[in-house]
Amino acid sequence: QVQLAESGGGLVQAGDSLRLSCAASGYTFRTSAMGWFRQAPGKEREFVAAIRWNGGGPSYADFVKGRFTISKHNAKTTMYLQMNALIPEDTGVYYCAYKSLGVDNWNYWGQGTQVTVSS
């Protein structure tokens, strides 16, 4: 089992920055990738960014390219999302996701952290 704990959400104004963190604990010896998803009120959960744990570059949704940066700390099994130039449309609950080696889908999810961007 893997447990995920997100932190760093909050209420900010448009143009501000936030840094989200996601710490994985438990059986994290078979980490394939970690990623961020978000869900705005009344909308489906959508992909934001992901990073492979051993090689390969990050991937981003088009709507965050140039504004968000995903990074990781391998030894701590921790992932970060630096969010700059936030806009009100970025408002939502941001979820951390974890994918184990040999698994096609994201098989562990965090509880989410709220990000609210006011105009």
C-alpha atoms as a PDB file:
ATOM      1  CA  GLN A   1       0.000   0.000   0.000  1.00  0.00           C
ATOM      2  CA  VAL A   2       1.031   3.574  -0.711  1.00  0.00           C
ATOM      3  CA  GLN A   3      -0.243   6.618   1.098  1.00  0.00           C
ATOM      4  CA  LEU A   4      -0.124  10.066  -0.471  1.00  0.00           C
ATOM      5  CA  ALA A   5      -0.235  13.349   1.417  1.00  0.00           C
ATOM      6  CA  GLU A   6      -0.687  16.617  -0.461  1.00  0.00           C
ATOM      7  CA  SER A   7       0.040  20.038   0.951  1.00  0.00           C
ATOM      8  CA  GLY A   8       0.497  23.602  -0.189  1.00  0.00           C
ATOM      9  CA  GLY A   9      -2.933  24.590  -1.419  1.00  0.00           C
ATOM     10  CA  GLY A  10      -4.573  27.850  -0.479  1.00  0.00           C
ATOM     11  CA  LEU A  11      -6.311  31.019  -1.537  1.00  0.00           C
ATOM     12  CA  VAL A  12      -4.329  33.345  -3.769  1.00  0.00           C
ATOM     13  CA  GLN A  13      -4.954  36.158  -6.210  1.00  0.00           C
ATOM     14  CA  ALA A  14      -4.599  35.930  -9.962  1.00  0.00           C
ATOM     15  CA  GLY A  15      -0.959  36.205 -10.948  1.00  0.00           C
ATOM     16  CA  ASP A  16       0.314  34.710  -7.705  1.00  0.00           C
ATOM     17  CA  SER A  17       2.228  31.476  -7.230  1.00  0.00           C
ATOM     18  CA  LEU A  18       1.766  28.342  -5.157  1.00  0.00           C
ATOM     19  CA  ARG A  19       3.866  25.256  -4.632  1.00  0.00           C
ATOM     20  CA  LEU A  20       2.126  21.965  -4.018  1.00  0.00           C
ATOM     21  CA  SER A  21       3.859  18.982  -2.480  1.00  0.00           C
ATOM     22  CA  CYS A  22       2.938  15.316  -2.420  1.00  0.00           C
ATOM     23  CA  ALA A  23       4.763  12.920  -0.149  1.00  0.00           C
ATOM     24  CA  ALA A  24       4.400   9.200  -0.738  1.00  0.00           C
ATOM     25  CA  SER A  25       4.850   6.730   2.083  1.00  0.00           C
ATOM     26  CA  GLY A  26       4.421   3.031   2.600  1.00  0.00           C
ATOM     27  CA  TYR A  27       5.564   0.589  -0.054  1.00  0.00           C
ATOM     28  CA  THR A  28       7.154   3.072  -2.463  1.00  0.00           C
ATOM     29  CA  PHE A  29       9.885   0.823  -3.811  1.00  0.00           C
ATOM     30  CA  ARG A  30       8.122   0.291  -7.106  1.00  0.00           C
ATOM     31  CA  THR A  31       7.351   3.864  -8.122  1.00  0.00           C
ATOM     32  CA  SER A  32       6.808   4.259 -11.843  1.00  0.00           C
ATOM     33  CA  ALA A  33       5.437   7.785 -11.941  1.00  0.00           C
ATOM     34  CA  MET A  34       3.629  10.429  -9.951  1.00  0.00           C
ATOM     35  CA  GLY A  35       1.289  13.040 -11.234  1.00  0.00           C
ATOM     36  CA  TRP A  36      -1.155  15.816 -10.515  1.00  0.00           C
ATOM     37  CA  PHE A  37      -4.777  15.998 -11.482  1.00  0.00           C
ATOM     38  CA  ARG A  38      -7.356  18.627 -10.652  1.00  0.00           C
ATOM     39  CA  GLN A  39     -11.100  18.896 -10.435  1.00  0.00           C
ATOM     40  CA  ALA A  40     -12.973  22.153 -10.685  1.00  0.00           C
ATOM     41  CA  PRO A  41     -16.496  22.479  -9.291  1.00  0.00           C
ATOM     42  CA  GLY A  42     -18.971  20.782 -11.608  1.00  0.00           C
ATOM     43  CA  LYS A  43     -16.253  19.431 -13.895  1.00  0.00           C
ATOM     44  CA  GLU A  44     -14.505  16.154 -14.478  1.00  0.00           C
ATOM     45  CA  ARG A  45     -11.122  15.453 -12.981  1.00  0.00           C
ATOM     46  CA  GLU A  46      -8.414  16.360 -15.488  1.00  0.00           C
ATOM     47  CA  PHE A  47      -4.749  15.669 -15.948  1.00  0.00           C
ATOM     48  CA  VAL A  48      -2.330  18.467 -15.049  1.00  0.00           C
ATOM     49  CA  ALA A  49       1.203  17.067 -15.079  1.00  0.00           C
ATOM     50  CA  ALA A  50       3.180  13.905 -14.463  1.00  0.00           C
ATOM     51  CA  ILE A  51       6.755  12.829 -13.984  1.00  0.00           C
ATOM     52  CA  ARG A  52       8.389   9.443 -14.420  1.00  0.00           C
ATOM     53  CA  TRP A  53      10.427   8.261 -11.527  1.00  0.00           C
ATOM     54  CA  ASN A  54      13.396   6.762 -13.374  1.00  0.00           C
ATOM     55  CA  GLY A  55      14.161   8.551 -16.565  1.00  0.00           C
ATOM     56  CA  GLY A  56      11.995  10.312 -19.087  1.00  0.00           C
ATOM     57  CA  GLY A  57      10.825  13.873 -19.092  1.00  0.00           C
ATOM     58  CA  PRO A  58       7.758  15.379 -17.501  1.00  0.00           C
ATOM     59  CA  SER A  59       4.468  15.794 -19.277  1.00  0.00           C
ATOM     60  CA  TYR A  60       2.005  18.649 -18.979  1.00  0.00           C
ATOM     61  CA  ALA A  61      -1.494  19.500 -19.992  1.00  0.00           C
ATOM     62  CA  ASP A  62      -1.504  22.223 -22.621  1.00  0.00           C
ATOM     63  CA  PHE A  63      -3.272  24.670 -20.350  1.00  0.00           C
ATOM     64  CA  VAL A  64      -0.393  24.718 -17.826  1.00  0.00           C
ATOM     65  CA  LYS A  65       2.613  24.651 -20.126  1.00  0.00           C
ATOM     66  CA  GLY A  66       4.928  27.516 -19.360  1.00  0.00           C
ATOM     67  CA  ARG A  67       3.236  28.243 -16.033  1.00  0.00           C
ATOM     68  CA  PHE A  68       3.529  25.046 -13.996  1.00  0.00           C
ATOM     69  CA  THR A  69       6.634  22.980 -13.320  1.00  0.00           C
ATOM     70  CA  ILE A  70       6.614  19.479 -11.897  1.00  0.00           C
ATOM     71  CA  SER A  71       9.643  18.119 -10.056  1.00  0.00           C
ATOM     72  CA  LYS A  72      10.569  15.327  -7.691  1.00  0.00           C
ATOM     73  CA  HIS A  73      12.896  14.248  -4.943  1.00  0.00           C
ATOM     74  CA  ASN A  74      13.635  10.580  -5.513  1.00  0.00           C
ATOM     75  CA  ALA A  75      15.029   9.774  -2.089  1.00  0.00           C
ATOM     76  CA  LYS A  76      12.016  11.287  -0.341  1.00  0.00           C
ATOM     77  CA  THR A  77       9.505   9.946  -2.869  1.00  0.00           C
ATOM     78  CA  THR A  78       8.095  13.423  -2.963  1.00  0.00           C
ATOM     79  CA  MET A  79       6.741  15.356  -5.879  1.00  0.00           C
ATOM     80  CA  TYR A  80       6.186  19.076  -6.295  1.00  0.00           C
ATOM     81  CA  LEU A  81       4.137  21.316  -8.516  1.00  0.00           C
ATOM     82  CA  GLN A  82       5.294  24.892  -8.827  1.00  0.00           C
ATOM     83  CA  MET A  83       2.372  26.921 -10.115  1.00  0.00           C
ATOM     84  CA  ASN A  84       3.071  30.411 -11.400  1.00  0.00           C
ATOM     85  CA  ALA A  85       0.882  33.029 -13.036  1.00  0.00           C
ATOM     86  CA  LEU A  86      -2.222  31.448 -11.571  1.00  0.00           C
ATOM     87  CA  ILE A  87      -5.561  32.322 -13.102  1.00  0.00           C
ATOM     88  CA  PRO A  88      -9.070  31.852 -11.712  1.00  0.00           C
ATOM     89  CA  GLU A  89      -9.557  28.888 -14.058  1.00  0.00           C
ATOM     90  CA  ASP A  90      -6.881  27.046 -12.087  1.00  0.00           C
ATOM     91  CA  THR A  91      -9.231  26.873  -9.115  1.00  0.00           C
ATOM     92  CA  GLY A  92     -10.043  23.366  -7.996  1.00  0.00           C
ATOM     93  CA  VAL A  93      -9.006  20.444  -5.866  1.00  0.00           C
ATOM     94  CA  TYR A  94      -5.584  19.185  -6.840  1.00  0.00           C
ATOM     95  CA  TYR A  95      -4.972  15.485  -6.417  1.00  0.00           C
ATOM     96  CA  CYS A  96      -1.702  13.638  -6.256  1.00  0.00           C
ATOM     97  CA  ALA A  97      -1.600  10.332  -8.101  1.00  0.00           C
ATOM     98  CA  TYR A  98       0.850   7.442  -7.970  1.00  0.00           C
ATOM     99  CA  LYS A  99       1.545   4.690 -10.449  1.00  0.00           C
ATOM    100  CA  SER A 100       3.348   1.506  -9.529  1.00  0.00           C
ATOM    101  CA  LEU A 101       5.696  -0.352 -11.855  1.00  0.00           C
ATOM    102  CA  GLY A 102       3.839  -2.760 -14.108  1.00  0.00           C
ATOM    103  CA  VAL A 103       0.532  -0.975 -13.693  1.00  0.00           C
ATOM    104  CA  ASP A 104      -1.137   0.899 -16.541  1.00  0.00           C
ATOM    105  CA  ASN A 105      -3.379   3.158 -14.508  1.00  0.00           C
ATOM    106  CA  TRP A 106      -2.820   5.470 -11.574  1.00  0.00           C
ATOM    107  CA  ASN A 107      -3.414   3.113  -8.699  1.00  0.00           C
ATOM    108  CA  TYR A 108      -3.139   5.376  -5.654  1.00  0.00           C
ATOM    109  CA  TRP A 109      -4.660   8.790  -5.027  1.00  0.00           C
ATOM    110  CA  GLY A 110      -4.299  11.455  -2.386  1.00  0.00           C
ATOM    111  CA  GLN A 111      -7.159  13.203  -0.643  1.00  0.00           C
ATOM    112  CA  GLY A 112      -6.614  16.444  -2.537  1.00  0.00           C
ATOM    113  CA  THR A 113      -5.697  19.987  -1.642  1.00  0.00           C
ATOM    114  CA  GLN A 114      -7.834  23.002  -2.484  1.00  0.00           C
ATOM    115  CA  VAL A 115      -6.447  25.756  -4.684  1.00  0.00           C
ATOM    116  CA  THR A 116      -8.549  28.870  -5.065  1.00  0.00           C
ATOM    117  CA  VAL A 117      -7.499  31.722  -7.321  1.00  0.00           C
ATOM    118  CA  SER A 118      -9.458  34.937  -7.004  1.00  0.00           C
ATOM    119  CA  SER A 119      -9.664  37.504  -9.765  1.00  0.00           C
END
